[in-house]
ModelCIF file with pLDDT and N, C-alpha, C, O atoms, coordinates in Angstrom:
data_MODEL
#
_entry.id   MODEL 
#
_entity.id                         1 
_entity.type                       polymer 
_entity.pdbx_number_of_molecules   1 
#
_entity_poly.entity_id                      1 
_entity_poly.type                           'polypeptide(L)' 
_entity_poly.nstd_linkage                   no 
_entity_poly.nstd_monomer                   no 
_entity_poly.pdbx_seq_one_letter_code       
;(UNK)(UNK)(UNK)(UNK)(UNK)(UNK)(UNK)(UNK)(UNK)(UNK)(UNK)(UNK)(UNK)(UNK)(UNK)(UNK)
(UNK)(UNK)(UNK)(UNK)(UNK)(UNK)(UNK)(UNK)(UNK)(UNK)(UNK)(UNK)(UNK)(UNK)(UNK)(UNK)
(UNK)(UNK)(UNK)(UNK)(UNK)(UNK)(UNK)(UNK)(UNK)(UNK)(UNK)
;
_entity_poly.pdbx_seq_one_letter_code_can   XXXXXXXXXXXXXXXXXXXXXXXXXXXXXXXXXXXXXXXXXXX 
_entity_poly.pdbx_strand_id                 A 
#
loop_
_entity_poly_seq.entity_id 
_entity_poly_seq.num 
_entity_poly_seq.mon_id 
_entity_poly_seq.hetero 
1 1  UNK n 
1 2  UNK n 
1 3  UNK n 
1 4  UNK n 
1 5  UNK n 
1 6  UNK n 
1 7  UNK n 
1 8  UNK n 
1 9  UNK n 
1 10 UNK n 
1 11 UNK n 
1 12 UNK n 
1 13 UNK n 
1 14 UNK n 
1 15 UNK n 
1 16 UNK n 
1 17 UNK n 
1 18 UNK n 
1 19 UNK n 
1 20 UNK n 
1 21 UNK n 
1 22 UNK n 
1 23 UNK n 
1 24 UNK n 
1 25 UNK n 
1 26 UNK n 
1 27 UNK n 
1 28 UNK n 
1 29 UNK n 
1 30 UNK n 
1 31 UNK n 
1 32 UNK n 
1 33 UNK n 
1 34 UNK n 
1 35 UNK n 
1 36 UNK n 
1 37 UNK n 
1 38 UNK n 
1 39 UNK n 
1 40 UNK n 
1 41 UNK n 
1 42 UNK n 
1 43 UNK n 
#
_struct_asym.id          A 
_struct_asym.entity_id   1 
#
loop_
_ma_qa_metric.id 
_ma_qa_metric.mode 
_ma_qa_metric.name 
_ma_qa_metric.software_group_id 
_ma_qa_metric.type 
1 global pLDDT . pLDDT 
2 local  pLDDT . pLDDT 
#
_ma_qa_metric_global.metric_id      1 
_ma_qa_metric_global.metric_value   92.88 
_ma_qa_metric_global.model_id       1 
_ma_qa_metric_global.ordinal_id     1 
#
loop_
_ma_qa_metric_local.label_asym_id 
_ma_qa_metric_local.label_comp_id 
_ma_qa_metric_local.label_seq_id 
_ma_qa_metric_local.metric_id 
_ma_qa_metric_local.metric_value 
_ma_qa_metric_local.model_id 
_ma_qa_metric_local.ordinal_id 
A UNK 1  2 92.00 1 1  
A UNK 2  2 92.00 1 2  
A UNK 3  2 93.00 1 3  
A UNK 4  2 93.00 1 4  
A UNK 5  2 94.00 1 5  
A UNK 6  2 95.00 1 6  
A UNK 7  2 95.00 1 7  
A UNK 8  2 95.00 1 8  
A UNK 9  2 96.00 1 9  
A UNK 10 2 96.00 1 10 
A UNK 11 2 95.00 1 11 
A UNK 12 2 95.00 1 12 
A UNK 13 2 95.00 1 13 
A UNK 14 2 95.00 1 14 
A UNK 15 2 93.00 1 15 
A UNK 16 2 92.00 1 16 
A UNK 17 2 88.00 1 17 
A UNK 18 2 93.00 1 18 
A UNK 19 2 94.00 1 19 
A UNK 20 2 94.00 1 20 
A UNK 21 2 96.00 1 21 
A UNK 22 2 97.00 1 22 
A UNK 23 2 96.00 1 23 
A UNK 24 2 97.00 1 24 
A UNK 25 2 96.00 1 25 
A UNK 26 2 96.00 1 26 
A UNK 27 2 95.00 1 27 
A UNK 28 2 95.00 1 28 
A UNK 29 2 95.00 1 29 
A UNK 30 2 94.00 1 30 
A UNK 31 2 94.00 1 31 
A UNK 32 2 95.00 1 32 
A UNK 33 2 94.00 1 33 
A UNK 34 2 92.00 1 34 
A UNK 35 2 92.00 1 35 
A UNK 36 2 88.00 1 36 
A UNK 37 2 84.00 1 37 
A UNK 38 2 84.00 1 38 
A UNK 39 2 89.00 1 39 
A UNK 40 2 89.00 1 40 
A UNK 41 2 84.00 1 41 
A UNK 42 2 87.00 1 42 
A UNK 43 2 90.00 1 43 
#
loop_
_atom_site.group_PDB 
_atom_site.id 
_atom_site.type_symbol 
_atom_site.label_atom_id 
_atom_site.label_alt_id 
_atom_site.label_comp_id 
_atom_site.label_asym_id 
_atom_site.label_entity_id 
_atom_site.label_seq_id 
_atom_site.pdbx_PDB_ins_code 
_atom_site.Cartn_x 
_atom_site.Cartn_y 
_atom_site.Cartn_z 
_atom_site.occupancy 
_atom_site.B_iso_or_equiv 
_atom_site.pdbx_formal_charge 
_atom_site.auth_seq_id 
_atom_site.auth_comp_id 
_atom_site.auth_asym_id 
_atom_site.auth_atom_id 
_atom_site.pdbx_PDB_model_num 
ATOM 1   N N  . UNK A 1 1  ? 0.953  -1.276 -0.095 1.00 92.00 ? 1  UNK A N  1 
ATOM 2   C CA . UNK A 1 1  ? 0.046  0.397  0.156  1.00 92.00 ? 1  UNK A CA 1 
ATOM 3   C C  . UNK A 1 1  ? 0.851  1.353  0.104  1.00 92.00 ? 1  UNK A C  1 
ATOM 4   O O  . UNK A 1 1  ? 1.830  1.341  0.850  1.00 92.00 ? 1  UNK A O  1 
ATOM 5   N N  . UNK A 1 2  ? 0.635  2.396  -0.779 1.00 92.00 ? 2  UNK A N  1 
ATOM 6   C CA . UNK A 1 2  ? 1.270  3.454  -0.788 1.00 92.00 ? 2  UNK A CA 1 
ATOM 7   C C  . UNK A 1 2  ? 1.667  4.328  0.515  1.00 92.00 ? 2  UNK A C  1 
ATOM 8   O O  . UNK A 1 2  ? 2.420  5.301  0.559  1.00 92.00 ? 2  UNK A O  1 
ATOM 9   N N  . UNK A 1 3  ? 0.962  3.718  1.545  1.00 93.00 ? 3  UNK A N  1 
ATOM 10  C CA . UNK A 1 3  ? 1.683  4.752  2.761  1.00 93.00 ? 3  UNK A CA 1 
ATOM 11  C C  . UNK A 1 3  ? 2.742  3.660  3.460  1.00 93.00 ? 3  UNK A C  1 
ATOM 12  O O  . UNK A 1 3  ? 3.805  3.963  4.000  1.00 93.00 ? 3  UNK A O  1 
ATOM 13  N N  . UNK A 1 4  ? 2.391  2.811  3.369  1.00 93.00 ? 4  UNK A N  1 
ATOM 14  C CA . UNK A 1 4  ? 3.594  1.683  3.691  1.00 93.00 ? 4  UNK A CA 1 
ATOM 15  C C  . UNK A 1 4  ? 4.763  1.741  2.658  1.00 93.00 ? 4  UNK A C  1 
ATOM 16  O O  . UNK A 1 4  ? 5.898  1.878  3.116  1.00 93.00 ? 4  UNK A O  1 
ATOM 17  N N  . UNK A 1 5  ? 4.607  1.655  1.412  1.00 94.00 ? 5  UNK A N  1 
ATOM 18  C CA . UNK A 1 5  ? 5.898  2.153  0.621  1.00 94.00 ? 5  UNK A CA 1 
ATOM 19  C C  . UNK A 1 5  ? 6.657  3.174  0.858  1.00 94.00 ? 5  UNK A C  1 
ATOM 20  O O  . UNK A 1 5  ? 7.844  3.039  1.154  1.00 94.00 ? 5  UNK A O  1 
ATOM 21  N N  . UNK A 1 6  ? 5.878  4.693  0.725  1.00 95.00 ? 6  UNK A N  1 
ATOM 22  C CA . UNK A 1 6  ? 6.312  5.557  1.388  1.00 95.00 ? 6  UNK A CA 1 
ATOM 23  C C  . UNK A 1 6  ? 7.168  6.119  2.500  1.00 95.00 ? 6  UNK A C  1 
ATOM 24  O O  . UNK A 1 6  ? 8.020  7.004  2.439  1.00 95.00 ? 6  UNK A O  1 
ATOM 25  N N  . UNK A 1 7  ? 6.576  5.109  3.954  1.00 95.00 ? 7  UNK A N  1 
ATOM 26  C CA . UNK A 1 7  ? 7.528  4.902  4.420  1.00 95.00 ? 7  UNK A CA 1 
ATOM 27  C C  . UNK A 1 7  ? 8.734  4.377  4.500  1.00 95.00 ? 7  UNK A C  1 
ATOM 28  O O  . UNK A 1 7  ? 9.781  4.969  4.766  1.00 95.00 ? 7  UNK A O  1 
ATOM 29  N N  . UNK A 1 8  ? 8.554  3.087  4.232  1.00 95.00 ? 8  UNK A N  1 
ATOM 30  C CA . UNK A 1 8  ? 9.631  2.132  4.105  1.00 95.00 ? 8  UNK A CA 1 
ATOM 31  C C  . UNK A 1 8  ? 10.636 2.986  3.227  1.00 95.00 ? 8  UNK A C  1 
ATOM 32  O O  . UNK A 1 8  ? 11.789 2.697  3.545  1.00 95.00 ? 8  UNK A O  1 
ATOM 33  N N  . UNK A 1 9  ? 10.570 4.100  2.060  1.00 96.00 ? 9  UNK A N  1 
ATOM 34  C CA . UNK A 1 9  ? 11.432 4.392  1.209  1.00 96.00 ? 9  UNK A CA 1 
ATOM 35  C C  . UNK A 1 9  ? 12.004 5.659  1.642  1.00 96.00 ? 9  UNK A C  1 
ATOM 36  O O  . UNK A 1 9  ? 13.091 6.054  1.221  1.00 96.00 ? 9  UNK A O  1 
ATOM 37  N N  . UNK A 1 10 ? 11.107 6.466  2.689  1.00 96.00 ? 10 UNK A N  1 
ATOM 38  C CA . UNK A 1 10 ? 11.844 6.966  3.407  1.00 96.00 ? 10 UNK A CA 1 
ATOM 39  C C  . UNK A 1 10 ? 13.205 7.200  4.495  1.00 96.00 ? 10 UNK A C  1 
ATOM 40  O O  . UNK A 1 10 ? 14.125 7.982  4.732  1.00 96.00 ? 10 UNK A O  1 
ATOM 41  N N  . UNK A 1 11 ? 12.339 5.380  5.136  1.00 95.00 ? 11 UNK A N  1 
ATOM 42  C CA . UNK A 1 11 ? 13.513 5.300  5.988  1.00 95.00 ? 11 UNK A CA 1 
ATOM 43  C C  . UNK A 1 11 ? 15.010 4.517  5.401  1.00 95.00 ? 11 UNK A C  1 
ATOM 44  O O  . UNK A 1 11 ? 16.025 4.174  6.007  1.00 95.00 ? 11 UNK A O  1 
ATOM 45  N N  . UNK A 1 12 ? 14.673 4.435  4.162  1.00 95.00 ? 12 UNK A N  1 
ATOM 46  C CA . UNK A 1 12 ? 16.077 3.668  3.594  1.00 95.00 ? 12 UNK A CA 1 
ATOM 47  C C  . UNK A 1 12 ? 16.931 4.836  2.634  1.00 95.00 ? 12 UNK A C  1 
ATOM 48  O O  . UNK A 1 12 ? 17.927 4.688  1.926  1.00 95.00 ? 12 UNK A O  1 
ATOM 49  N N  . UNK A 1 13 ? 16.130 6.002  2.915  1.00 95.00 ? 13 UNK A N  1 
ATOM 50  C CA . UNK A 1 13 ? 16.865 7.403  2.567  1.00 95.00 ? 13 UNK A CA 1 
ATOM 51  C C  . UNK A 1 13 ? 17.799 7.840  3.722  1.00 95.00 ? 13 UNK A C  1 
ATOM 52  O O  . UNK A 1 13 ? 18.973 8.208  3.726  1.00 95.00 ? 13 UNK A O  1 
ATOM 53  N N  . UNK A 1 14 ? 16.863 7.672  4.718  1.00 95.00 ? 14 UNK A N  1 
ATOM 54  C CA . UNK A 1 14 ? 17.791 7.756  6.071  1.00 95.00 ? 14 UNK A CA 1 
ATOM 55  C C  . UNK A 1 14 ? 19.097 7.583  6.432  1.00 95.00 ? 14 UNK A C  1 
ATOM 56  O O  . UNK A 1 14 ? 19.964 8.339  6.873  1.00 95.00 ? 14 UNK A O  1 
ATOM 57  N N  . UNK A 1 15 ? 19.038 6.122  6.074  1.00 93.00 ? 15 UNK A N  1 
ATOM 58  C CA . UNK A 1 15 ? 19.805 4.920  6.330  1.00 93.00 ? 15 UNK A CA 1 
ATOM 59  C C  . UNK A 1 15 ? 21.278 5.490  4.927  1.00 93.00 ? 15 UNK A C  1 
ATOM 60  O O  . UNK A 1 15 ? 22.355 5.963  5.289  1.00 93.00 ? 15 UNK A O  1 
ATOM 61  N N  . UNK A 1 16 ? 20.968 5.309  3.721  1.00 92.00 ? 16 UNK A N  1 
ATOM 62  C CA . UNK A 1 16 ? 21.391 5.122  2.638  1.00 92.00 ? 16 UNK A CA 1 
ATOM 63  C C  . UNK A 1 16 ? 22.617 6.333  2.438  1.00 92.00 ? 16 UNK A C  1 
ATOM 64  O O  . UNK A 1 16 ? 23.664 6.192  1.805  1.00 92.00 ? 16 UNK A O  1 
ATOM 65  N N  . UNK A 1 17 ? 22.216 7.395  3.076  1.00 88.00 ? 17 UNK A N  1 
ATOM 66  C CA . UNK A 1 17 ? 23.222 8.654  2.822  1.00 88.00 ? 17 UNK A CA 1 
ATOM 67  C C  . UNK A 1 17 ? 22.401 9.802  1.953  1.00 88.00 ? 17 UNK A C  1 
ATOM 68  O O  . UNK A 1 17 ? 22.736 10.985 1.994  1.00 88.00 ? 17 UNK A O  1 
ATOM 69  N N  . UNK A 1 18 ? 21.551 9.432  1.349  1.00 93.00 ? 18 UNK A N  1 
ATOM 70  C CA . UNK A 1 18 ? 20.708 10.511 0.295  1.00 93.00 ? 18 UNK A CA 1 
ATOM 71  C C  . UNK A 1 18 ? 19.987 11.525 0.561  1.00 93.00 ? 18 UNK A C  1 
ATOM 72  O O  . UNK A 1 18 ? 19.469 12.427 -0.097 1.00 93.00 ? 18 UNK A O  1 
ATOM 73  N N  . UNK A 1 19 ? 20.058 11.125 2.011  1.00 94.00 ? 19 UNK A N  1 
ATOM 74  C CA . UNK A 1 19 ? 19.429 12.449 3.137  1.00 94.00 ? 19 UNK A CA 1 
ATOM 75  C C  . UNK A 1 19 ? 20.241 12.772 3.770  1.00 94.00 ? 19 UNK A C  1 
ATOM 76  O O  . UNK A 1 19 ? 20.738 11.850 4.417  1.00 94.00 ? 19 UNK A O  1 
ATOM 77  N N  . UNK A 1 20 ? 20.942 14.339 4.019  1.00 94.00 ? 20 UNK A N  1 
ATOM 78  C CA . UNK A 1 20 ? 21.587 14.669 4.926  1.00 94.00 ? 20 UNK A CA 1 
ATOM 79  C C  . UNK A 1 20 ? 20.712 15.176 6.651  1.00 94.00 ? 20 UNK A C  1 
ATOM 80  O O  . UNK A 1 20 ? 21.107 15.207 7.817  1.00 94.00 ? 20 UNK A O  1 
ATOM 81  N N  . UNK A 1 21 ? 19.735 15.417 6.141  1.00 96.00 ? 21 UNK A N  1 
ATOM 82  C CA . UNK A 1 21 ? 18.995 15.736 7.098  1.00 96.00 ? 21 UNK A CA 1 
ATOM 83  C C  . UNK A 1 21 ? 17.322 15.617 6.878  1.00 96.00 ? 21 UNK A C  1 
ATOM 84  O O  . UNK A 1 21 ? 16.861 15.606 5.736  1.00 96.00 ? 21 UNK A O  1 
ATOM 85  N N  . UNK A 1 22 ? 16.658 15.551 7.789  1.00 97.00 ? 22 UNK A N  1 
ATOM 86  C CA . UNK A 1 22 ? 15.320 15.143 8.199  1.00 97.00 ? 22 UNK A CA 1 
ATOM 87  C C  . UNK A 1 22 ? 14.672 16.158 8.370  1.00 97.00 ? 22 UNK A C  1 
ATOM 88  O O  . UNK A 1 22 ? 14.916 16.656 9.469  1.00 97.00 ? 22 UNK A O  1 
ATOM 89  N N  . UNK A 1 23 ? 13.756 16.850 7.628  1.00 96.00 ? 23 UNK A N  1 
ATOM 90  C CA . UNK A 1 23 ? 12.841 18.130 8.239  1.00 96.00 ? 23 UNK A CA 1 
ATOM 91  C C  . UNK A 1 23 ? 11.549 18.438 8.473  1.00 96.00 ? 23 UNK A C  1 
ATOM 92  O O  . UNK A 1 23 ? 10.875 18.889 7.547  1.00 96.00 ? 23 UNK A O  1 
ATOM 93  N N  . UNK A 1 24 ? 11.010 18.250 9.707  1.00 97.00 ? 24 UNK A N  1 
ATOM 94  C CA . UNK A 1 24 ? 9.801  17.910 10.164 1.00 97.00 ? 24 UNK A CA 1 
ATOM 95  C C  . UNK A 1 24 ? 9.349  19.001 10.258 1.00 97.00 ? 24 UNK A C  1 
ATOM 96  O O  . UNK A 1 24 ? 10.001 20.040 10.358 1.00 97.00 ? 24 UNK A O  1 
ATOM 97  N N  . UNK A 1 25 ? 7.503  18.824 10.222 1.00 96.00 ? 25 UNK A N  1 
ATOM 98  C CA . UNK A 1 25 ? 6.452  19.860 10.062 1.00 96.00 ? 25 UNK A CA 1 
ATOM 99  C C  . UNK A 1 25 ? 5.504  19.364 10.973 1.00 96.00 ? 25 UNK A C  1 
ATOM 100 O O  . UNK A 1 25 ? 5.769  18.254 11.434 1.00 96.00 ? 25 UNK A O  1 
ATOM 101 N N  . UNK A 1 26 ? 4.469  19.901 11.347 1.00 96.00 ? 26 UNK A N  1 
ATOM 102 C CA . UNK A 1 26 ? 3.136  19.340 11.930 1.00 96.00 ? 26 UNK A CA 1 
ATOM 103 C C  . UNK A 1 26 ? 2.323  17.855 11.780 1.00 96.00 ? 26 UNK A C  1 
ATOM 104 O O  . UNK A 1 26 ? 1.339  17.724 11.052 1.00 96.00 ? 26 UNK A O  1 
ATOM 105 N N  . UNK A 1 27 ? 2.663  17.217 12.256 1.00 95.00 ? 27 UNK A N  1 
ATOM 106 C CA . UNK A 1 27 ? 2.093  15.714 11.894 1.00 95.00 ? 27 UNK A CA 1 
ATOM 107 C C  . UNK A 1 27 ? 0.553  16.070 11.304 1.00 95.00 ? 27 UNK A C  1 
ATOM 108 O O  . UNK A 1 27 ? 0.016  15.336 10.474 1.00 95.00 ? 27 UNK A O  1 
ATOM 109 N N  . UNK A 1 28 ? 0.162  16.808 11.626 1.00 95.00 ? 28 UNK A N  1 
ATOM 110 C CA . UNK A 1 28 ? -1.458 16.918 11.104 1.00 95.00 ? 28 UNK A CA 1 
ATOM 111 C C  . UNK A 1 28 ? -1.682 17.405 9.070  1.00 95.00 ? 28 UNK A C  1 
ATOM 112 O O  . UNK A 1 28 ? -2.725 17.635 8.459  1.00 95.00 ? 28 UNK A O  1 
ATOM 113 N N  . UNK A 1 29 ? -0.365 17.398 8.611  1.00 95.00 ? 29 UNK A N  1 
ATOM 114 C CA . UNK A 1 29 ? -0.340 17.411 7.416  1.00 95.00 ? 29 UNK A CA 1 
ATOM 115 C C  . UNK A 1 29 ? -0.426 16.689 6.673  1.00 95.00 ? 29 UNK A C  1 
ATOM 116 O O  . UNK A 1 29 ? -0.735 16.958 5.512  1.00 95.00 ? 29 UNK A O  1 
ATOM 117 N N  . UNK A 1 30 ? -0.114 15.231 7.219  1.00 94.00 ? 30 UNK A N  1 
ATOM 118 C CA . UNK A 1 30 ? -0.182 14.176 6.478  1.00 94.00 ? 30 UNK A CA 1 
ATOM 119 C C  . UNK A 1 30 ? -1.454 13.198 7.230  1.00 94.00 ? 30 UNK A C  1 
ATOM 120 O O  . UNK A 1 30 ? -2.345 12.567 6.661  1.00 94.00 ? 30 UNK A O  1 
ATOM 121 N N  . UNK A 1 31 ? -1.173 13.332 8.720  1.00 94.00 ? 31 UNK A N  1 
ATOM 122 C CA . UNK A 1 31 ? -2.080 12.576 9.341  1.00 94.00 ? 31 UNK A CA 1 
ATOM 123 C C  . UNK A 1 31 ? -2.686 13.247 10.148 1.00 94.00 ? 31 UNK A C  1 
ATOM 124 O O  . UNK A 1 31 ? -1.902 13.625 11.018 1.00 94.00 ? 31 UNK A O  1 
ATOM 125 N N  . UNK A 1 32 ? -3.966 13.693 10.360 1.00 95.00 ? 32 UNK A N  1 
ATOM 126 C CA . UNK A 1 32 ? -4.380 14.738 11.612 1.00 95.00 ? 32 UNK A CA 1 
ATOM 127 C C  . UNK A 1 32 ? -4.923 13.826 12.776 1.00 95.00 ? 32 UNK A C  1 
ATOM 128 O O  . UNK A 1 32 ? -5.264 14.258 13.877 1.00 95.00 ? 32 UNK A O  1 
ATOM 129 N N  . UNK A 1 33 ? -4.964 12.225 12.302 1.00 94.00 ? 33 UNK A N  1 
ATOM 130 C CA . UNK A 1 33 ? -5.693 11.776 13.313 1.00 94.00 ? 33 UNK A CA 1 
ATOM 131 C C  . UNK A 1 33 ? -4.530 10.878 14.085 1.00 94.00 ? 33 UNK A C  1 
ATOM 132 O O  . UNK A 1 33 ? -4.877 10.017 14.893 1.00 94.00 ? 33 UNK A O  1 
ATOM 133 N N  . UNK A 1 34 ? -3.628 11.038 13.895 1.00 92.00 ? 34 UNK A N  1 
ATOM 134 C CA . UNK A 1 34 ? -2.407 10.479 14.529 1.00 92.00 ? 34 UNK A CA 1 
ATOM 135 C C  . UNK A 1 34 ? -2.608 8.917  14.833 1.00 92.00 ? 34 UNK A C  1 
ATOM 136 O O  . UNK A 1 34 ? -2.387 8.269  15.857 1.00 92.00 ? 34 UNK A O  1 
ATOM 137 N N  . UNK A 1 35 ? -3.079 8.564  13.643 1.00 92.00 ? 35 UNK A N  1 
ATOM 138 C CA . UNK A 1 35 ? -3.022 6.375  13.447 1.00 92.00 ? 35 UNK A CA 1 
ATOM 139 C C  . UNK A 1 35 ? -1.819 6.015  12.650 1.00 92.00 ? 35 UNK A C  1 
ATOM 140 O O  . UNK A 1 35 ? -1.327 4.887  12.641 1.00 92.00 ? 35 UNK A O  1 
ATOM 141 N N  . UNK A 1 36 ? -1.339 7.122  11.927 1.00 88.00 ? 36 UNK A N  1 
ATOM 142 C CA . UNK A 1 36 ? -0.746 6.115  10.602 1.00 88.00 ? 36 UNK A CA 1 
ATOM 143 C C  . UNK A 1 36 ? 0.198  5.125  11.595 1.00 88.00 ? 36 UNK A C  1 
ATOM 144 O O  . UNK A 1 36 ? -0.054 3.935  11.404 1.00 88.00 ? 36 UNK A O  1 
ATOM 145 N N  . UNK A 1 37 ? 1.457  5.432  12.840 1.00 84.00 ? 37 UNK A N  1 
ATOM 146 C CA . UNK A 1 37 ? 1.951  4.370  13.015 1.00 84.00 ? 37 UNK A CA 1 
ATOM 147 C C  . UNK A 1 37 ? 1.026  2.743  12.848 1.00 84.00 ? 37 UNK A C  1 
ATOM 148 O O  . UNK A 1 37 ? 1.030  1.860  11.989 1.00 84.00 ? 37 UNK A O  1 
ATOM 149 N N  . UNK A 1 38 ? 0.266  2.953  14.204 1.00 84.00 ? 38 UNK A N  1 
ATOM 150 C CA . UNK A 1 38 ? -0.964 1.885  13.605 1.00 84.00 ? 38 UNK A CA 1 
ATOM 151 C C  . UNK A 1 38 ? -1.141 1.301  12.536 1.00 84.00 ? 38 UNK A C  1 
ATOM 152 O O  . UNK A 1 38 ? -1.115 0.071  12.481 1.00 84.00 ? 38 UNK A O  1 
ATOM 153 N N  . UNK A 1 39 ? -1.391 2.185  11.315 1.00 89.00 ? 39 UNK A N  1 
ATOM 154 C CA . UNK A 1 39 ? -1.902 1.815  10.395 1.00 89.00 ? 39 UNK A CA 1 
ATOM 155 C C  . UNK A 1 39 ? -0.591 1.071  9.520  1.00 89.00 ? 39 UNK A C  1 
ATOM 156 O O  . UNK A 1 39 ? -0.766 0.085  8.804  1.00 89.00 ? 39 UNK A O  1 
ATOM 157 N N  . UNK A 1 40 ? 0.848  1.790  9.738  1.00 89.00 ? 40 UNK A N  1 
ATOM 158 C CA . UNK A 1 40 ? 1.335  1.518  8.847  1.00 89.00 ? 40 UNK A CA 1 
ATOM 159 C C  . UNK A 1 40 ? 2.328  -0.489 9.645  1.00 89.00 ? 40 UNK A C  1 
ATOM 160 O O  . UNK A 1 40 ? 3.089  -1.272 9.077  1.00 89.00 ? 40 UNK A O  1 
ATOM 161 N N  . UNK A 1 41 ? 1.811  -0.495 10.868 1.00 84.00 ? 41 UNK A N  1 
ATOM 162 C CA . UNK A 1 41 ? 2.005  -1.580 11.948 1.00 84.00 ? 41 UNK A CA 1 
ATOM 163 C C  . UNK A 1 41 ? 0.905  -2.778 10.953 1.00 84.00 ? 41 UNK A C  1 
ATOM 164 O O  . UNK A 1 41 ? 1.449  -3.805 10.548 1.00 84.00 ? 41 UNK A O  1 
ATOM 165 N N  . UNK A 1 42 ? -0.497 -2.562 10.652 1.00 87.00 ? 42 UNK A N  1 
ATOM 166 C CA . UNK A 1 42 ? -1.316 -3.479 10.670 1.00 87.00 ? 42 UNK A CA 1 
ATOM 167 C C  . UNK A 1 42 ? -1.042 -3.435 8.694  1.00 87.00 ? 42 UNK A C  1 
ATOM 168 O O  . UNK A 1 42 ? -1.099 -4.530 8.135  1.00 87.00 ? 42 UNK A O  1 
ATOM 169 N N  . UNK A 1 43 ? -0.799 -2.315 7.911  1.00 90.00 ? 43 UNK A N  1 
ATOM 170 C CA . UNK A 1 43 ? -0.241 -2.780 6.635  1.00 90.00 ? 43 UNK A CA 1 
ATOM 171 C C  . UNK A 1 43 ? 0.992  -3.844 6.667  1.00 90.00 ? 43 UNK A C  1 
ATOM 172 O O  . UNK A 1 43 ? 1.483  -4.253 5.615  1.00 90.00 ? 43 UNK A O  1 
#
C-alpha cells in the first residue's frame, strides 16, 4: 500500500546517505488523526 511503501522508502533514504537532514513539520499535514503508526504496523 502507498503509505507503507512511502514510509519504507523514506527510512531507506535516512540510512543510505541520500538525505543529510530530515525536516519535520506538523504531523497533521499528512495524518491529523495520529493513526499512521498503527496503520503502518497493520499494513
